[in-house]
Amino acid sequence: MNTGNQTDATNGDWSLSSSYPDSVGAITFSSDGVTLASGAGNFSVQMWDIAHHQLKGEWKGHRGGITSVAFSPNSSLLASGSWDRTVRLWGINHGGILKGHKDAVLGIAFSPDGELLASCSADNTVQLWRVSDNQHLQTLIGHKDRVIDIAFTPDGRSLASASWDNTVRLWDVVSGSAKVTLSGHTDKIIALAMSPDGAYLASGSIDKTIRLWRIVDSQQRILQGHTSHIASIAFSSDSASLVSGSWDKSIRVWDVATGNEQAHIRSTHRVWSVAYAPNRPIIAYGSLDNTARLWNTATQHEVAILPHPEWVLALAFNPNGNLLATYSADNIVRIWQQPA
């Protein structure tokens, strides 16, 4: 078993660490893998040059903690959502403040062509914005409780939203109308994922189940086995598998086509976040046992333990899948190079 490497960026190695005076809300890599963005509880957004292990810039302006960050598909623009009810756009040639929500912004997503930005909120709505001029286009109304996450279909024509009202809704992006409401969960939904091929939506709930929804006809499959609420879910890059992490101290890997369980991984503590490495049979999960761990789904073996001084709350792979960014409760963002 290997232990992943992490060193201070000042040593000139491939990793970096950055200490925040308050907690980080989100981390994400740009689509070209050149930059890492992180949003902090001290209301700032930071961008890091991965190749040179240097801070590219820090932007302040939000008046509340950062809940979400997202790069545009061409990596030229960064969006951030905040408890201050606003979305901000950060770029060399474009920026702005998007106002319209009446409560905290909980999630943001760019359309695949980068022309639209969607935001969801604790005010029970989803907002659609035109990126070129920051114009508000639509308010999508229908959820009865806070909307916790959103995802565009790969063709950009539809937008999925998940809510604490126990439902997932699929919206027509042009008209702003709800195409379908996906009902079945019996408690709050707290995780949402869109398969890369656009065929399935997955939702994870406090009701201890995962629902796989076939988008073409809204047929659902219930994935059962967890004994506590689902904290995080993610599809593999080929859309064939789904990984789920739960507060029941376990990670499960599911076959999307059949709904069968492919692997059951036990953790020593509650699992907070999971991620699938792009184009690799590797999953990562972060736990309250102060570690992030890597598991090879092909060999069914743990391949690395990445120690942290505090709980691991968020993680993200770069597009090549050879780097993993983690954030733990010690308010430090770390980057780890994966074992060959």
C-alpha atoms as a PDB file:
ATOM      1  CA  MET A   1       0.000   0.000   0.000  1.00  0.00           C
ATOM      2  CA  ASN A   2       1.339   3.422  -0.922  1.00  0.00           C
ATOM      3  CA  THR A   3       0.953   6.693   0.911  1.00  0.00           C
ATOM      4  CA  GLY A   4       0.417   9.658  -1.385  1.00  0.00           C
ATOM      5  CA  ASN A   5       2.882  12.525  -1.303  1.00  0.00           C
ATOM      6  CA  GLN A   6       2.107  16.072  -0.256  1.00  0.00           C
ATOM      7  CA  THR A   7       4.670  18.752   0.409  1.00  0.00           C
ATOM      8  CA  ASP A   8       4.718  22.506   0.845  1.00  0.00           C
ATOM      9  CA  ALA A   9       4.846  24.403  -2.442  1.00  0.00           C
ATOM     10  CA  THR A  10       7.875  26.354  -1.285  1.00  0.00           C
ATOM     11  CA  ASN A  11       9.897  23.168  -1.639  1.00  0.00           C
ATOM     12  CA  GLY A  12       9.423  23.376  -5.405  1.00  0.00           C
ATOM     13  CA  ASP A  13       7.564  20.067  -5.551  1.00  0.00           C
ATOM     14  CA  TRP A  14       4.332  19.376  -7.472  1.00  0.00           C
ATOM     15  CA  SER A  15       2.033  19.984  -4.510  1.00  0.00           C
ATOM     16  CA  LEU A  16       0.853  23.074  -2.696  1.00  0.00           C
ATOM     17  CA  SER A  17      -0.892  23.971   0.502  1.00  0.00           C
ATOM     18  CA  SER A  18      -2.753  27.137   1.362  1.00  0.00           C
ATOM     19  CA  SER A  19      -3.970  28.113   4.787  1.00  0.00           C
ATOM     20  CA  TYR A  20      -7.214  30.041   5.147  1.00  0.00           C
ATOM     21  CA  PRO A  21      -8.373  32.048   8.173  1.00  0.00           C
ATOM     22  CA  ASP A  22     -11.759  30.385   7.740  1.00  0.00           C
ATOM     23  CA  SER A  23     -13.176  27.283   6.104  1.00  0.00           C
ATOM     24  CA  VAL A  24     -13.127  26.603   2.359  1.00  0.00           C
ATOM     25  CA  GLY A  25     -16.490  26.198   0.706  1.00  0.00           C
ATOM     26  CA  ALA A  26     -15.457  24.551  -2.566  1.00  0.00           C
ATOM     27  CA  ILE A  27     -12.547  23.481  -4.767  1.00  0.00           C
ATOM     28  CA  THR A  28     -12.416  22.763  -8.504  1.00  0.00           C
ATOM     29  CA  PHE A  29      -9.923  22.407 -11.342  1.00  0.00           C
ATOM     30  CA  SER A  30     -10.231  24.279 -14.620  1.00  0.00           C
ATOM     31  CA  SER A  31     -11.144  22.154 -17.631  1.00  0.00           C
ATOM     32  CA  ASP A  32      -7.614  22.525 -19.014  1.00  0.00           C
ATOM     33  CA  GLY A  33      -6.124  21.400 -15.703  1.00  0.00           C
ATOM     34  CA  VAL A  34      -3.901  24.463 -15.457  1.00  0.00           C
ATOM     35  CA  THR A  35      -5.619  26.165 -12.533  1.00  0.00           C
ATOM     36  CA  LEU A  36      -7.207  25.223  -9.218  1.00  0.00           C
ATOM     37  CA  ALA A  37      -9.836  27.489  -7.708  1.00  0.00           C
ATOM     38  CA  SER A  38     -10.962  27.483  -4.108  1.00  0.00           C
ATOM     39  CA  GLY A  39     -13.587  29.450  -2.245  1.00  0.00           C
ATOM     40  CA  ALA A  40     -13.157  30.298   1.397  1.00  0.00           C
ATOM     41  CA  GLY A  41     -15.259  31.106   4.410  1.00  0.00           C
ATOM     42  CA  ASN A  42     -13.389  34.413   4.672  1.00  0.00           C
ATOM     43  CA  PHE A  43     -15.373  35.547   1.590  1.00  0.00           C
ATOM     44  CA  SER A  44     -12.417  35.273  -0.845  1.00  0.00           C
ATOM     45  CA  VAL A  45     -11.796  33.286  -4.033  1.00  0.00           C
ATOM     46  CA  GLN A  46      -8.284  32.081  -4.819  1.00  0.00           C
ATOM     47  CA  MET A  47      -6.782  30.716  -8.042  1.00  0.00           C
ATOM     48  CA  TRP A  48      -3.605  28.645  -8.153  1.00  0.00           C
ATOM     49  CA  ASP A  49      -1.133  27.981 -10.966  1.00  0.00           C
ATOM     50  CA  ILE A  50      -0.678  24.214 -10.739  1.00  0.00           C
ATOM     51  CA  ALA A  51       2.505  23.952 -12.811  1.00  0.00           C
ATOM     52  CA  HIS A  52       4.373  26.613 -10.833  1.00  0.00           C
ATOM     53  CA  HIS A  53       2.704  26.020  -7.446  1.00  0.00           C
ATOM     54  CA  GLN A  54       1.925  29.706  -7.147  1.00  0.00           C
ATOM     55  CA  LEU A  55      -1.051  31.796  -6.194  1.00  0.00           C
ATOM     56  CA  LYS A  56      -2.321  33.469  -9.388  1.00  0.00           C
ATOM     57  CA  GLY A  57      -4.687  35.767  -7.593  1.00  0.00           C
ATOM     58  CA  GLU A  58      -7.116  36.309  -4.761  1.00  0.00           C
ATOM     59  CA  TRP A  59     -10.405  38.062  -5.315  1.00  0.00           C
ATOM     60  CA  LYS A  60     -12.551  39.624  -2.622  1.00  0.00           C
ATOM     61  CA  GLY A  61     -16.000  41.108  -2.902  1.00  0.00           C
ATOM     62  CA  HIS A  62     -18.418  38.563  -1.516  1.00  0.00           C
ATOM     63  CA  ARG A  63     -19.937  39.439   1.847  1.00  0.00           C
ATOM     64  CA  GLY A  64     -20.523  35.857   2.896  1.00  0.00           C
ATOM     65  CA  GLY A  65     -18.772  32.508   2.767  1.00  0.00           C
ATOM     66  CA  ILE A  66     -18.225  30.877  -0.640  1.00  0.00           C
ATOM     67  CA  THR A  67     -20.445  27.838  -1.206  1.00  0.00           C
ATOM     68  CA  SER A  68     -19.502  26.899  -4.772  1.00  0.00           C
ATOM     69  CA  VAL A  69     -17.027  27.640  -7.558  1.00  0.00           C
ATOM     70  CA  ALA A  70     -17.123  26.656 -11.246  1.00  0.00           C
ATOM     71  CA  PHE A  71     -14.978  27.336 -14.299  1.00  0.00           C
ATOM     72  CA  SER A  72     -16.456  28.051 -17.716  1.00  0.00           C
ATOM     73  CA  PRO A  73     -15.814  25.237 -20.243  1.00  0.00           C
ATOM     74  CA  ASN A  74     -12.953  27.174 -21.890  1.00  0.00           C
ATOM     75  CA  SER A  75     -11.446  27.977 -18.448  1.00  0.00           C
ATOM     76  CA  SER A  76     -11.482  31.742 -19.153  1.00  0.00           C
ATOM     77  CA  LEU A  77     -14.050  32.604 -16.499  1.00  0.00           C
ATOM     78  CA  LEU A  78     -14.619  31.589 -12.898  1.00  0.00           C
ATOM     79  CA  ALA A  79     -17.972  31.857 -11.143  1.00  0.00           C
ATOM     80  CA  SER A  80     -18.501  31.806  -7.387  1.00  0.00           C
ATOM     81  CA  GLY A  81     -21.680  31.483  -5.331  1.00  0.00           C
ATOM     82  CA  SER A  82     -22.034  32.732  -1.791  1.00  0.00           C
ATOM     83  CA  TRP A  83     -24.117  32.922   1.326  1.00  0.00           C
ATOM     84  CA  ASP A  84     -24.435  36.632   0.485  1.00  0.00           C
ATOM     85  CA  ARG A  85     -27.109  35.656  -2.118  1.00  0.00           C
ATOM     86  CA  THR A  86     -24.975  36.638  -5.123  1.00  0.00           C
ATOM     87  CA  VAL A  87     -22.982  35.022  -7.902  1.00  0.00           C
ATOM     88  CA  ARG A  88     -19.770  36.721  -9.002  1.00  0.00           C
ATOM     89  CA  LEU A  89     -17.911  36.291 -12.270  1.00  0.00           C
ATOM     90  CA  TRP A  90     -14.130  36.644 -12.323  1.00  0.00           C
ATOM     91  CA  GLY A  91     -12.085  36.917 -15.516  1.00  0.00           C
ATOM     92  CA  ILE A  92      -9.443  38.970 -17.288  1.00  0.00           C
ATOM     93  CA  ASN A  93     -11.886  40.439 -19.797  1.00  0.00           C
ATOM     94  CA  HIS A  94     -15.191  39.881 -18.057  1.00  0.00           C
ATOM     95  CA  GLY A  95     -16.676  40.040 -14.585  1.00  0.00           C
ATOM     96  CA  GLY A  96     -19.708  41.111 -12.660  1.00  0.00           C
ATOM     97  CA  ILE A  97     -22.173  40.545  -9.854  1.00  0.00           C
ATOM     98  CA  LEU A  98     -25.334  38.557 -10.528  1.00  0.00           C
ATOM     99  CA  LYS A  99     -28.089  39.534  -8.115  1.00  0.00           C
ATOM    100  CA  GLY A 100     -31.536  38.030  -7.920  1.00  0.00           C
ATOM    101  CA  HIS A 101     -31.631  35.332  -5.284  1.00  0.00           C
ATOM    102  CA  LYS A 102     -33.289  36.063  -1.950  1.00  0.00           C
ATOM    103  CA  ASP A 103     -31.251  33.564   0.064  1.00  0.00           C
ATOM    104  CA  ALA A 104     -27.888  31.800  -0.064  1.00  0.00           C
ATOM    105  CA  VAL A 105     -26.596  30.557  -3.426  1.00  0.00           C
ATOM    106  CA  LEU A 106     -25.884  26.853  -2.931  1.00  0.00           C
ATOM    107  CA  GLY A 107     -24.746  25.730  -6.397  1.00  0.00           C
ATOM    108  CA  ILE A 108     -23.674  27.052  -9.792  1.00  0.00           C
ATOM    109  CA  ALA A 109     -23.087  25.464 -13.202  1.00  0.00           C
ATOM    110  CA  PHE A 110     -22.076  26.644 -16.672  1.00  0.00           C
ATOM    111  CA  SER A 111     -23.840  25.265 -19.719  1.00  0.00           C
ATOM    112  CA  PRO A 112     -21.634  23.033 -21.916  1.00  0.00           C
ATOM    113  CA  ASP A 113     -21.193  25.822 -24.480  1.00  0.00           C
ATOM    114  CA  GLY A 114     -20.372  28.359 -21.758  1.00  0.00           C
ATOM    115  CA  GLU A 115     -23.108  30.753 -22.850  1.00  0.00           C
ATOM    116  CA  LEU A 116     -25.345  30.272 -19.813  1.00  0.00           C
ATOM    117  CA  LEU A 117     -24.822  30.111 -16.073  1.00  0.00           C
ATOM    118  CA  ALA A 118     -27.323  28.538 -13.697  1.00  0.00           C
ATOM    119  CA  SER A 119     -27.502  29.148  -9.963  1.00  0.00           C
ATOM    120  CA  CYS A 120     -29.606  27.473  -7.294  1.00  0.00           C
ATOM    121  CA  SER A 121     -30.511  28.766  -3.887  1.00  0.00           C
ATOM    122  CA  ALA A 122     -32.007  28.305  -0.468  1.00  0.00           C
ATOM    123  CA  ASP A 123     -34.791  30.570  -1.753  1.00  0.00           C
ATOM    124  CA  ASN A 124     -36.215  27.459  -3.545  1.00  0.00           C
ATOM    125  CA  THR A 125     -35.440  28.784  -7.046  1.00  0.00           C
ATOM    126  CA  VAL A 126     -33.020  28.307  -9.915  1.00  0.00           C
ATOM    127  CA  GLN A 127     -31.843  31.337 -11.891  1.00  0.00           C
ATOM    128  CA  LEU A 128     -30.521  31.338 -15.470  1.00  0.00           C
ATOM    129  CA  TRP A 129     -28.090  34.024 -16.662  1.00  0.00           C
ATOM    130  CA  ARG A 130     -26.554  34.906 -20.027  1.00  0.00           C
ATOM    131  CA  VAL A 131     -22.808  35.049 -19.508  1.00  0.00           C
ATOM    132  CA  SER A 132     -21.883  37.482 -22.292  1.00  0.00           C
ATOM    133  CA  ASP A 133     -23.695  40.437 -20.707  1.00  0.00           C
ATOM    134  CA  ASN A 134     -24.666  39.072 -17.251  1.00  0.00           C
ATOM    135  CA  GLN A 135     -28.329  39.312 -18.244  1.00  0.00           C
ATOM    136  CA  HIS A 136     -30.881  37.506 -16.102  1.00  0.00           C
ATOM    137  CA  LEU A 137     -32.974  35.260 -18.358  1.00  0.00           C
ATOM    138  CA  GLN A 138     -35.218  33.006 -16.291  1.00  0.00           C
ATOM    139  CA  THR A 139     -36.318  32.219 -12.761  1.00  0.00           C
ATOM    140  CA  LEU A 140     -37.270  28.556 -12.506  1.00  0.00           C
ATOM    141  CA  ILE A 141     -39.995  28.207  -9.879  1.00  0.00           C
ATOM    142  CA  GLY A 142     -41.535  24.978  -8.614  1.00  0.00           C
ATOM    143  CA  HIS A 143     -39.453  23.520  -5.809  1.00  0.00           C
ATOM    144  CA  LYS A 144     -40.966  23.782  -2.325  1.00  0.00           C
ATOM    145  CA  ASP A 145     -37.690  23.836  -0.379  1.00  0.00           C
ATOM    146  CA  ARG A 146     -34.084  24.852  -0.915  1.00  0.00           C
ATOM    147  CA  VAL A 147     -32.405  23.746  -4.148  1.00  0.00           C
ATOM    148  CA  ILE A 148     -29.060  22.204  -3.248  1.00  0.00           C
ATOM    149  CA  ASP A 149     -27.478  21.370  -6.613  1.00  0.00           C
ATOM    150  CA  ILE A 150     -27.910  21.701 -10.375  1.00  0.00           C
ATOM    151  CA  ALA A 151     -26.464  20.081 -13.516  1.00  0.00           C
ATOM    152  CA  PHE A 152     -26.863  20.687 -17.246  1.00  0.00           C
ATOM    153  CA  THR A 153     -27.389  17.813 -19.650  1.00  0.00           C
ATOM    154  CA  PRO A 154     -24.435  17.426 -22.065  1.00  0.00           C
ATOM    155  CA  ASP A 155     -26.464  18.891 -24.942  1.00  0.00           C
ATOM    156  CA  GLY A 156     -27.240  21.982 -22.844  1.00  0.00           C
ATOM    157  CA  ARG A 157     -30.959  21.824 -23.567  1.00  0.00           C
ATOM    158  CA  SER A 158     -32.068  20.745 -20.101  1.00  0.00           C
ATOM    159  CA  LEU A 159     -31.097  21.524 -16.536  1.00  0.00           C
ATOM    160  CA  ALA A 160     -31.586  19.229 -13.556  1.00  0.00           C
ATOM    161  CA  SER A 161     -32.134  20.514 -10.026  1.00  0.00           C
ATOM    162  CA  ALA A 162     -32.262  18.659  -6.706  1.00  0.00           C
ATOM    163  CA  SER A 163     -34.092  19.915  -3.656  1.00  0.00           C
ATOM    164  CA  TRP A 164     -34.835  19.363  -0.024  1.00  0.00           C
ATOM    165  CA  ASP A 165     -38.461  18.931  -1.130  1.00  0.00           C
ATOM    166  CA  ASN A 166     -37.462  15.304  -1.979  1.00  0.00           C
ATOM    167  CA  THR A 167     -37.661  15.842  -5.744  1.00  0.00           C
ATOM    168  CA  VAL A 168     -35.452  16.269  -8.781  1.00  0.00           C
ATOM    169  CA  ARG A 169     -36.774  18.471 -11.573  1.00  0.00           C
ATOM    170  CA  LEU A 170     -35.707  18.600 -15.194  1.00  0.00           C
ATOM    171  CA  TRP A 171     -36.180  22.010 -16.821  1.00  0.00           C
ATOM    172  CA  ASP A 172     -36.294  23.182 -20.433  1.00  0.00           C
ATOM    173  CA  VAL A 173     -33.528  25.770 -20.642  1.00  0.00           C
ATOM    174  CA  VAL A 174     -35.134  27.854 -23.405  1.00  0.00           C
ATOM    175  CA  SER A 175     -38.659  28.127 -22.025  1.00  0.00           C
ATOM    176  CA  GLY A 176     -37.858  27.803 -18.331  1.00  0.00           C
ATOM    177  CA  SER A 177     -40.677  25.307 -17.895  1.00  0.00           C
ATOM    178  CA  ALA A 178     -40.422  22.087 -15.893  1.00  0.00           C
ATOM    179  CA  LYS A 179     -40.279  19.116 -18.243  1.00  0.00           C
ATOM    180  CA  VAL A 180     -40.676  16.515 -15.515  1.00  0.00           C
ATOM    181  CA  THR A 181     -40.638  16.164 -11.733  1.00  0.00           C
ATOM    182  CA  LEU A 182     -38.864  13.041 -10.510  1.00  0.00           C
ATOM    183  CA  SER A 183     -40.477  11.859  -7.277  1.00  0.00           C
ATOM    184  CA  GLY A 184     -39.651   8.864  -5.129  1.00  0.00           C
ATOM    185  CA  HIS A 185     -37.343   9.942  -2.336  1.00  0.00           C
ATOM    186  CA  THR A 186     -38.970  10.100   1.082  1.00  0.00           C
ATOM    187  CA  ASP A 187     -36.570  12.631   2.616  1.00  0.00           C
ATOM    188  CA  LYS A 188     -34.307  15.509   1.624  1.00  0.00           C
ATOM    189  CA  ILE A 189     -32.024  15.091  -1.400  1.00  0.00           C
ATOM    190  CA  ILE A 190     -28.478  16.206  -0.641  1.00  0.00           C
ATOM    191  CA  ALA A 191     -26.481  14.926  -3.636  1.00  0.00           C
ATOM    192  CA  LEU A 192     -26.965  15.101  -7.406  1.00  0.00           C
ATOM    193  CA  ALA A 193     -24.891  13.848 -10.347  1.00  0.00           C
ATOM    194  CA  MET A 194     -25.374  13.785 -14.132  1.00  0.00           C
ATOM    195  CA  SER A 195     -23.811  10.928 -16.084  1.00  0.00           C
ATOM    196  CA  PRO A 196     -21.260  12.189 -18.644  1.00  0.00           C
ATOM    197  CA  ASP A 197     -23.219  10.587 -21.490  1.00  0.00           C
ATOM    198  CA  GLY A 198     -26.397  12.378 -20.400  1.00  0.00           C
ATOM    199  CA  ALA A 199     -28.417   9.195 -20.076  1.00  0.00           C
ATOM    200  CA  TYR A 200     -28.876   9.168 -16.295  1.00  0.00           C
ATOM    201  CA  LEU A 201     -29.328  11.367 -13.276  1.00  0.00           C
ATOM    202  CA  ALA A 202     -28.435  10.110  -9.823  1.00  0.00           C
ATOM    203  CA  SER A 203     -29.722  11.540  -6.565  1.00  0.00           C
ATOM    204  CA  GLY A 204     -28.719  10.695  -3.004  1.00  0.00           C
ATOM    205  CA  SER A 205     -30.924  11.323  -0.002  1.00  0.00           C
ATOM    206  CA  ILE A 206     -31.242  11.347   3.742  1.00  0.00           C
ATOM    207  CA  ASP A 207     -33.662   8.449   3.156  1.00  0.00           C
ATOM    208  CA  LYS A 208     -30.529   6.226   2.750  1.00  0.00           C
ATOM    209  CA  THR A 209     -31.191   5.480  -0.928  1.00  0.00           C
ATOM    210  CA  ILE A 210     -29.806   6.486  -4.286  1.00  0.00           C
ATOM    211  CA  ARG A 211     -32.159   6.868  -7.210  1.00  0.00           C
ATOM    212  CA  LEU A 212     -30.978   6.360 -10.776  1.00  0.00           C
ATOM    213  CA  TRP A 213     -33.252   8.210 -13.181  1.00  0.00           C
ATOM    214  CA  ARG A 214     -33.183   7.405 -16.905  1.00  0.00           C
ATOM    215  CA  ILE A 215     -33.595  10.792 -18.517  1.00  0.00           C
ATOM    216  CA  VAL A 216     -35.282   9.675 -21.733  1.00  0.00           C
ATOM    217  CA  ASP A 217     -38.339   8.207 -19.968  1.00  0.00           C
ATOM    218  CA  SER A 218     -37.942   9.133 -16.254  1.00  0.00           C
ATOM    219  CA  GLN A 219     -37.730   5.482 -15.229  1.00  0.00           C
ATOM    220  CA  GLN A 220     -36.086   5.074 -11.832  1.00  0.00           C
ATOM    221  CA  ARG A 221     -34.002   2.388 -10.196  1.00  0.00           C
ATOM    222  CA  ILE A 222     -33.521   2.362  -6.422  1.00  0.00           C
ATOM    223  CA  LEU A 223     -30.031   1.543  -5.171  1.00  0.00           C
ATOM    224  CA  GLN A 224     -30.300   0.230  -1.617  1.00  0.00           C
ATOM    225  CA  GLY A 225     -27.697  -0.903   0.855  1.00  0.00           C
ATOM    226  CA  HIS A 226     -26.546   2.150   2.763  1.00  0.00           C
ATOM    227  CA  THR A 227     -27.829   2.437   6.321  1.00  0.00           C
ATOM    228  CA  SER A 228     -27.456   6.206   6.764  1.00  0.00           C
ATOM    229  CA  HIS A 229     -27.830   9.242   4.563  1.00  0.00           C
ATOM    230  CA  ILE A 230     -25.959   9.603   1.291  1.00  0.00           C
ATOM    231  CA  ALA A 231     -23.392  12.382   1.485  1.00  0.00           C
ATOM    232  CA  SER A 232     -21.861  12.322  -2.001  1.00  0.00           C
ATOM    233  CA  ILE A 233     -22.182  10.566  -5.384  1.00  0.00           C
ATOM    234  CA  ALA A 234     -20.171  10.602  -8.629  1.00  0.00           C
ATOM    235  CA  PHE A 235     -20.241   8.851 -12.020  1.00  0.00           C
ATOM    236  CA  SER A 236     -17.247   7.298 -13.722  1.00  0.00           C
ATOM    237  CA  SER A 237     -16.140   9.085 -16.901  1.00  0.00           C
ATOM    238  CA  ASP A 238     -17.568   6.267 -19.070  1.00  0.00           C
ATOM    239  CA  SER A 239     -20.927   6.527 -17.254  1.00  0.00           C
ATOM    240  CA  ALA A 240     -20.824   2.806 -16.482  1.00  0.00           C
ATOM    241  CA  SER A 241     -20.373   3.069 -12.705  1.00  0.00           C
ATOM    242  CA  LEU A 242     -21.547   5.225  -9.840  1.00  0.00           C
ATOM    243  CA  VAL A 243     -19.792   5.673  -6.505  1.00  0.00           C
ATOM    244  CA  SER A 244     -21.611   6.705  -3.335  1.00  0.00           C
ATOM    245  CA  GLY A 245     -20.331   7.756   0.081  1.00  0.00           C
ATOM    246  CA  SER A 246     -22.452   7.654   3.214  1.00  0.00           C
ATOM    247  CA  TRP A 247     -22.489   8.541   6.873  1.00  0.00           C
ATOM    248  CA  ASP A 248     -22.822   4.785   7.498  1.00  0.00           C
ATOM    249  CA  LYS A 249     -18.993   4.670   7.151  1.00  0.00           C
ATOM    250  CA  SER A 250     -19.059   3.004   3.747  1.00  0.00           C
ATOM    251  CA  ILE A 251     -18.470   3.600   0.059  1.00  0.00           C
ATOM    252  CA  ARG A 252     -20.323   1.574  -2.550  1.00  0.00           C
ATOM    253  CA  VAL A 253     -19.730   1.242  -6.284  1.00  0.00           C
ATOM    254  CA  TRP A 254     -22.741   0.463  -8.462  1.00  0.00           C
ATOM    255  CA  ASP A 255     -23.226  -0.847 -12.000  1.00  0.00           C
ATOM    256  CA  VAL A 256     -25.360   1.783 -13.721  1.00  0.00           C
ATOM    257  CA  ALA A 257     -26.874  -0.589 -16.287  1.00  0.00           C
ATOM    258  CA  THR A 258     -28.060  -3.192 -13.771  1.00  0.00           C
ATOM    259  CA  GLY A 259     -28.086  -1.388 -10.425  1.00  0.00           C
ATOM    260  CA  ASN A 260     -25.963  -4.164  -8.930  1.00  0.00           C
ATOM    261  CA  GLU A 261     -23.393  -3.404  -6.279  1.00  0.00           C
ATOM    262  CA  GLN A 262     -19.850  -3.830  -7.641  1.00  0.00           C
ATOM    263  CA  ALA A 263     -17.901  -3.010  -4.491  1.00  0.00           C
ATOM    264  CA  HIS A 264     -18.486  -2.287  -0.817  1.00  0.00           C
ATOM    265  CA  ILE A 265     -15.657  -0.391   0.897  1.00  0.00           C
ATOM    266  CA  ARG A 266     -15.689   0.128   4.635  1.00  0.00           C
ATOM    267  CA  SER A 267     -14.365   3.298   6.249  1.00  0.00           C
ATOM    268  CA  THR A 268     -13.521   3.915   9.878  1.00  0.00           C
ATOM    269  CA  HIS A 269     -15.712   7.019  10.031  1.00  0.00           C
ATOM    270  CA  ARG A 270     -18.414   8.941   8.189  1.00  0.00           C
ATOM    271  CA  VAL A 271     -17.663   9.557   4.517  1.00  0.00           C
ATOM    272  CA  TRP A 272     -18.101  13.174   3.469  1.00  0.00           C
ATOM    273  CA  SER A 273     -17.096  13.252  -0.213  1.00  0.00           C
ATOM    274  CA  VAL A 274     -16.331  10.938  -3.143  1.00  0.00           C
ATOM    275  CA  ALA A 275     -14.869  11.428  -6.633  1.00  0.00           C
ATOM    276  CA  TYR A 276     -14.079   9.289  -9.671  1.00  0.00           C
ATOM    277  CA  ALA A 277     -10.747   9.856 -11.443  1.00  0.00           C
ATOM    278  CA  PRO A 278     -11.308  10.701 -15.133  1.00  0.00           C
ATOM    279  CA  ASN A 279     -10.477   7.773 -17.411  1.00  0.00           C
ATOM    280  CA  ARG A 280      -8.967   5.739 -14.570  1.00  0.00           C
ATOM    281  CA  PRO A 281     -10.384   2.948 -12.383  1.00  0.00           C
ATOM    282  CA  ILE A 282      -9.673   5.021  -9.275  1.00  0.00           C
ATOM    283  CA  ILE A 283     -12.078   6.509  -6.763  1.00  0.00           C
ATOM    284  CA  ALA A 284     -11.187   8.866  -3.951  1.00  0.00           C
ATOM    285  CA  TYR A 285     -13.108   9.428  -0.772  1.00  0.00           C
ATOM    286  CA  GLY A 286     -12.713  11.793   2.148  1.00  0.00           C
ATOM    287  CA  SER A 287     -13.711  10.855   5.654  1.00  0.00           C
ATOM    288  CA  LEU A 288     -14.009  12.171   9.168  1.00  0.00           C
ATOM    289  CA  ASP A 289     -11.149   9.801  10.087  1.00  0.00           C
ATOM    290  CA  ASN A 290      -8.732  12.530   8.889  1.00  0.00           C
ATOM    291  CA  THR A 291      -7.792  10.769   5.651  1.00  0.00           C
ATOM    292  CA  ALA A 292      -8.516  10.740   1.958  1.00  0.00           C
ATOM    293  CA  ARG A 293      -8.131   7.306   0.404  1.00  0.00           C
ATOM    294  CA  LEU A 294      -7.751   5.940  -3.110  1.00  0.00           C
ATOM    295  CA  TRP A 295      -9.361   2.686  -4.202  1.00  0.00           C
ATOM    296  CA  ASN A 296      -8.712   0.825  -7.457  1.00  0.00           C
ATOM    297  CA  THR A 297     -12.035  -0.492  -8.743  1.00  0.00           C
ATOM    298  CA  ALA A 298     -10.324  -2.902 -11.159  1.00  0.00           C
ATOM    299  CA  THR A 299      -8.189  -4.674  -8.556  1.00  0.00           C
ATOM    300  CA  GLN A 300     -10.591  -4.033  -5.653  1.00  0.00           C
ATOM    301  CA  HIS A 301      -7.747  -2.811  -3.463  1.00  0.00           C
ATOM    302  CA  GLU A 302      -6.889   0.349  -1.578  1.00  0.00           C
ATOM    303  CA  VAL A 303      -3.881   1.972  -3.239  1.00  0.00           C
ATOM    304  CA  ALA A 304      -3.155   5.041  -1.113  1.00  0.00           C
ATOM    305  CA  ILE A 305      -3.901   6.645   2.232  1.00  0.00           C
ATOM    306  CA  LEU A 306      -3.521  10.423   2.299  1.00  0.00           C
ATOM    307  CA  PRO A 307      -3.232  11.610   5.923  1.00  0.00           C
ATOM    308  CA  HIS A 308      -4.624  14.948   7.084  1.00  0.00           C
ATOM    309  CA  PRO A 309      -4.599  16.563  10.531  1.00  0.00           C
ATOM    310  CA  GLU A 310      -8.378  17.110  10.432  1.00  0.00           C
ATOM    311  CA  TRP A 311     -11.529  15.841   8.690  1.00  0.00           C
ATOM    312  CA  VAL A 312     -11.443  15.728   4.880  1.00  0.00           C
ATOM    313  CA  LEU A 313     -14.482  17.643   3.664  1.00  0.00           C
ATOM    314  CA  ALA A 314     -13.971  18.117  -0.082  1.00  0.00           C
ATOM    315  CA  LEU A 315     -11.907  16.657  -2.921  1.00  0.00           C
ATOM    316  CA  ALA A 316     -11.563  16.940  -6.695  1.00  0.00           C
ATOM    317  CA  PHE A 317      -9.490  15.297  -9.436  1.00  0.00           C
ATOM    318  CA  ASN A 318      -7.838  17.243 -12.226  1.00  0.00           C
ATOM    319  CA  PRO A 319      -8.984  16.398 -15.790  1.00  0.00           C
ATOM    320  CA  ASN A 320      -6.102  13.943 -16.298  1.00  0.00           C
ATOM    321  CA  GLY A 321      -6.873  12.142 -13.052  1.00  0.00           C
ATOM    322  CA  ASN A 322      -3.246  12.206 -11.875  1.00  0.00           C
ATOM    323  CA  LEU A 323      -3.706  14.959  -9.284  1.00  0.00           C
ATOM    324  CA  LEU A 324      -6.160  15.092  -6.399  1.00  0.00           C
ATOM    325  CA  ALA A 325      -7.010  18.266  -4.510  1.00  0.00           C
ATOM    326  CA  THR A 326      -8.304  17.930  -0.967  1.00  0.00           C
ATOM    327  CA  TYR A 327      -9.603  20.322   1.638  1.00  0.00           C
ATOM    328  CA  SER A 328      -9.741  19.443   5.307  1.00  0.00           C
ATOM    329  CA  ALA A 329     -11.083  21.066   8.456  1.00  0.00           C
ATOM    330  CA  ASP A 330      -7.661  22.551   9.238  1.00  0.00           C
ATOM    331  CA  ASN A 331      -8.540  25.054   6.474  1.00  0.00           C
ATOM    332  CA  ILE A 332      -5.753  23.910   4.137  1.00  0.00           C
ATOM    333  CA  VAL A 333      -6.041  22.962   0.471  1.00  0.00           C
ATOM    334  CA  ARG A 334      -3.573  20.261  -0.581  1.00  0.00           C
ATOM    335  CA  ILE A 335      -2.703  18.692  -3.926  1.00  0.00           C
ATOM    336  CA  TRP A 336      -1.559  15.091  -4.116  1.00  0.00           C
ATOM    337  CA  GLN A 337       0.112  13.286  -6.997  1.00  0.00           C
ATOM    338  CA  GLN A 338      -1.409   9.886  -7.539  1.00  0.00           C
ATOM    339  CA  PRO A 339       0.597   6.659  -7.499  1.00  0.00           C
ATOM    340  CA  ALA A 340       1.537   5.412 -10.966  1.00  0.00           C
END
